[in-house]
N, C-alpha and C. Protein backbone atom coordinates (compact mmCIF):
# COMPACT_ATOMS: atom_id res chain seq x y z
N MET A 1 8.20 -18.67 -26.13
CA MET A 1 8.83 -18.54 -24.83
C MET A 1 8.87 -19.91 -24.17
N PRO A 2 10.01 -20.27 -23.56
CA PRO A 2 10.11 -21.58 -22.93
C PRO A 2 9.23 -21.68 -21.68
N SER A 3 8.85 -22.89 -21.37
CA SER A 3 8.04 -23.13 -20.19
C SER A 3 8.91 -23.71 -19.08
N TYR A 4 8.92 -23.08 -17.92
CA TYR A 4 9.72 -23.53 -16.79
C TYR A 4 8.80 -24.03 -15.68
N THR A 5 9.31 -24.94 -14.88
CA THR A 5 8.51 -25.46 -13.78
C THR A 5 9.03 -25.01 -12.42
N ASP A 6 10.26 -24.50 -12.35
CA ASP A 6 10.77 -24.05 -11.06
C ASP A 6 10.31 -22.63 -10.77
N SER A 7 10.29 -22.26 -9.50
CA SER A 7 9.74 -20.96 -9.11
C SER A 7 10.57 -19.79 -9.60
N LEU A 8 11.87 -19.97 -9.76
CA LEU A 8 12.72 -18.87 -10.20
C LEU A 8 12.34 -18.40 -11.60
N HIS A 9 12.09 -19.33 -12.51
CA HIS A 9 11.77 -18.97 -13.89
C HIS A 9 10.29 -18.99 -14.16
N GLY A 10 9.50 -19.49 -13.25
CA GLY A 10 8.07 -19.61 -13.46
C GLY A 10 7.30 -18.43 -12.93
N TYR A 11 6.59 -18.62 -11.84
CA TYR A 11 5.67 -17.60 -11.37
C TYR A 11 6.32 -16.49 -10.58
N ALA A 12 7.52 -16.66 -10.07
CA ALA A 12 8.15 -15.62 -9.24
C ALA A 12 8.31 -14.31 -9.99
N ALA A 13 8.78 -14.36 -11.21
CA ALA A 13 8.96 -13.14 -12.01
C ALA A 13 7.61 -12.48 -12.27
N LYS A 14 6.58 -13.25 -12.53
CA LYS A 14 5.26 -12.69 -12.78
C LYS A 14 4.73 -11.95 -11.55
N ILE A 15 4.96 -12.52 -10.38
CA ILE A 15 4.49 -11.91 -9.14
C ILE A 15 5.20 -10.59 -8.88
N LEU A 16 6.51 -10.58 -9.02
CA LEU A 16 7.27 -9.36 -8.75
C LEU A 16 6.94 -8.25 -9.74
N VAL A 17 6.77 -8.59 -11.00
CA VAL A 17 6.39 -7.58 -12.01
C VAL A 17 4.98 -7.08 -11.72
N ARG A 18 4.05 -7.97 -11.42
CA ARG A 18 2.68 -7.56 -11.12
C ARG A 18 2.62 -6.60 -9.94
N ASP A 19 3.41 -6.88 -8.90
CA ASP A 19 3.42 -6.04 -7.70
C ASP A 19 4.38 -4.86 -7.82
N ARG A 20 4.97 -4.69 -9.00
CA ARG A 20 5.89 -3.57 -9.29
C ARG A 20 7.07 -3.53 -8.33
N TYR A 21 7.55 -4.71 -7.94
CA TYR A 21 8.72 -4.86 -7.06
C TYR A 21 8.54 -4.12 -5.73
N ARG A 22 7.31 -3.98 -5.30
CA ARG A 22 7.01 -3.31 -4.02
C ARG A 22 6.39 -4.36 -3.10
N TYR A 23 6.92 -4.43 -1.89
CA TYR A 23 6.44 -5.40 -0.93
C TYR A 23 5.03 -5.07 -0.49
N ARG A 24 4.17 -6.05 -0.45
CA ARG A 24 2.77 -5.83 -0.12
C ARG A 24 2.56 -5.51 1.35
N TYR A 25 3.36 -6.07 2.24
CA TYR A 25 3.14 -5.88 3.68
C TYR A 25 3.69 -4.56 4.18
N CYS A 26 4.93 -4.23 3.85
CA CYS A 26 5.55 -3.02 4.40
C CYS A 26 5.62 -1.88 3.39
N GLY A 27 5.43 -2.14 2.09
CA GLY A 27 5.44 -1.10 1.08
C GLY A 27 6.82 -0.70 0.60
N LEU A 28 7.88 -1.40 1.06
CA LEU A 28 9.24 -1.08 0.65
C LEU A 28 9.40 -1.28 -0.85
N ASP A 29 10.10 -0.36 -1.50
CA ASP A 29 10.32 -0.43 -2.94
C ASP A 29 11.57 -1.25 -3.24
N GLY A 30 11.41 -2.36 -3.92
CA GLY A 30 12.54 -3.24 -4.25
C GLY A 30 13.49 -2.66 -5.27
N THR A 31 13.09 -1.60 -5.96
CA THR A 31 13.96 -0.99 -6.97
C THR A 31 14.72 0.23 -6.42
N ALA A 32 14.48 0.60 -5.18
CA ALA A 32 15.10 1.80 -4.61
C ALA A 32 16.59 1.61 -4.33
N SER A 33 17.01 0.41 -3.95
CA SER A 33 18.42 0.17 -3.66
C SER A 33 18.72 -1.31 -3.86
N PHE A 34 20.01 -1.61 -3.93
CA PHE A 34 20.42 -3.00 -4.13
C PHE A 34 20.06 -3.86 -2.92
N SER A 35 20.19 -3.32 -1.72
CA SER A 35 19.85 -4.09 -0.52
C SER A 35 18.35 -4.40 -0.48
N ASN A 36 17.52 -3.48 -0.94
CA ASN A 36 16.09 -3.76 -1.03
C ASN A 36 15.82 -4.88 -2.04
N TRP A 37 16.53 -4.83 -3.15
CA TRP A 37 16.38 -5.84 -4.20
C TRP A 37 16.74 -7.22 -3.67
N LEU A 38 17.81 -7.30 -2.87
CA LEU A 38 18.24 -8.58 -2.33
C LEU A 38 17.21 -9.19 -1.38
N ALA A 39 16.40 -8.37 -0.78
CA ALA A 39 15.39 -8.86 0.17
C ALA A 39 14.10 -9.30 -0.52
N LEU A 40 14.01 -9.17 -1.85
CA LEU A 40 12.80 -9.56 -2.58
C LEU A 40 12.51 -11.05 -2.41
N SER A 41 11.28 -11.35 -2.14
CA SER A 41 10.81 -12.72 -2.04
C SER A 41 9.30 -12.71 -2.30
N TRP A 42 8.62 -13.76 -1.93
CA TRP A 42 7.18 -13.79 -2.08
C TRP A 42 6.58 -14.58 -0.93
N ALA A 43 5.29 -14.39 -0.72
CA ALA A 43 4.59 -15.09 0.37
C ALA A 43 3.28 -15.66 -0.15
N HIS A 44 2.99 -16.87 0.29
CA HIS A 44 1.72 -17.51 -0.05
C HIS A 44 0.64 -16.98 0.88
N LEU A 45 -0.52 -16.66 0.33
CA LEU A 45 -1.63 -16.18 1.14
C LEU A 45 -2.50 -17.31 1.66
N SER A 46 -2.39 -18.48 1.05
CA SER A 46 -3.19 -19.63 1.44
C SER A 46 -2.34 -20.60 2.27
N PRO A 47 -2.94 -21.33 3.18
CA PRO A 47 -2.19 -22.28 4.00
C PRO A 47 -1.73 -23.49 3.18
N SER A 48 -0.76 -24.21 3.70
CA SER A 48 -0.28 -25.44 3.04
C SER A 48 -1.44 -26.40 2.84
N GLY A 49 -1.45 -27.03 1.68
CA GLY A 49 -2.50 -27.99 1.38
C GLY A 49 -3.73 -27.39 0.72
N HIS A 50 -3.82 -26.07 0.68
CA HIS A 50 -4.97 -25.42 0.03
C HIS A 50 -4.89 -25.65 -1.47
N ALA A 51 -6.01 -25.85 -2.10
CA ALA A 51 -6.05 -26.18 -3.53
C ALA A 51 -5.48 -25.08 -4.42
N HIS A 52 -5.60 -23.83 -4.02
CA HIS A 52 -5.15 -22.71 -4.86
C HIS A 52 -3.85 -22.09 -4.36
N ARG A 53 -3.13 -22.73 -3.48
CA ARG A 53 -1.94 -22.17 -2.86
C ARG A 53 -0.89 -21.71 -3.87
N ASP A 54 -0.65 -22.47 -4.93
CA ASP A 54 0.40 -22.15 -5.89
C ASP A 54 -0.07 -21.33 -7.08
N LYS A 55 -1.28 -20.84 -7.06
CA LYS A 55 -1.75 -19.97 -8.14
C LYS A 55 -1.23 -18.56 -7.91
N VAL A 56 -0.89 -17.87 -8.99
CA VAL A 56 -0.29 -16.54 -8.92
C VAL A 56 -1.18 -15.56 -8.17
N GLU A 57 -2.48 -15.71 -8.26
CA GLU A 57 -3.41 -14.80 -7.60
C GLU A 57 -3.31 -14.88 -6.07
N PHE A 58 -2.76 -15.96 -5.54
CA PHE A 58 -2.69 -16.18 -4.10
C PHE A 58 -1.27 -16.06 -3.56
N ILE A 59 -0.37 -15.40 -4.31
CA ILE A 59 1.01 -15.18 -3.89
C ILE A 59 1.32 -13.70 -4.08
N VAL A 60 2.01 -13.08 -3.12
CA VAL A 60 2.34 -11.66 -3.20
C VAL A 60 3.83 -11.44 -2.96
N ALA A 61 4.34 -10.31 -3.43
CA ALA A 61 5.73 -9.92 -3.17
C ALA A 61 5.88 -9.56 -1.70
N ALA A 62 6.96 -10.02 -1.09
CA ALA A 62 7.20 -9.75 0.34
C ALA A 62 8.70 -9.75 0.61
N CYS A 63 9.07 -9.28 1.78
CA CYS A 63 10.46 -9.31 2.22
C CYS A 63 10.83 -10.73 2.63
N MET A 64 12.09 -11.09 2.50
CA MET A 64 12.55 -12.39 2.99
C MET A 64 12.43 -12.48 4.50
N PHE A 65 12.50 -11.35 5.15
CA PHE A 65 12.54 -11.32 6.60
C PHE A 65 11.14 -11.42 7.17
């Protein structure tokens, strides 16, 4: 499998699959409709500059809004 460094091909897919395409904050199901799918994004749980900010364990699926 190729190794990517950008977020689209790197950790973003892992986060969404791990969270089963369900937003952690509001619980909305990203697979229920196309508009829900379009709102898929992720959120960092650690503040900027934190040593573990970009680790998959510290990022969750969230709405873009």
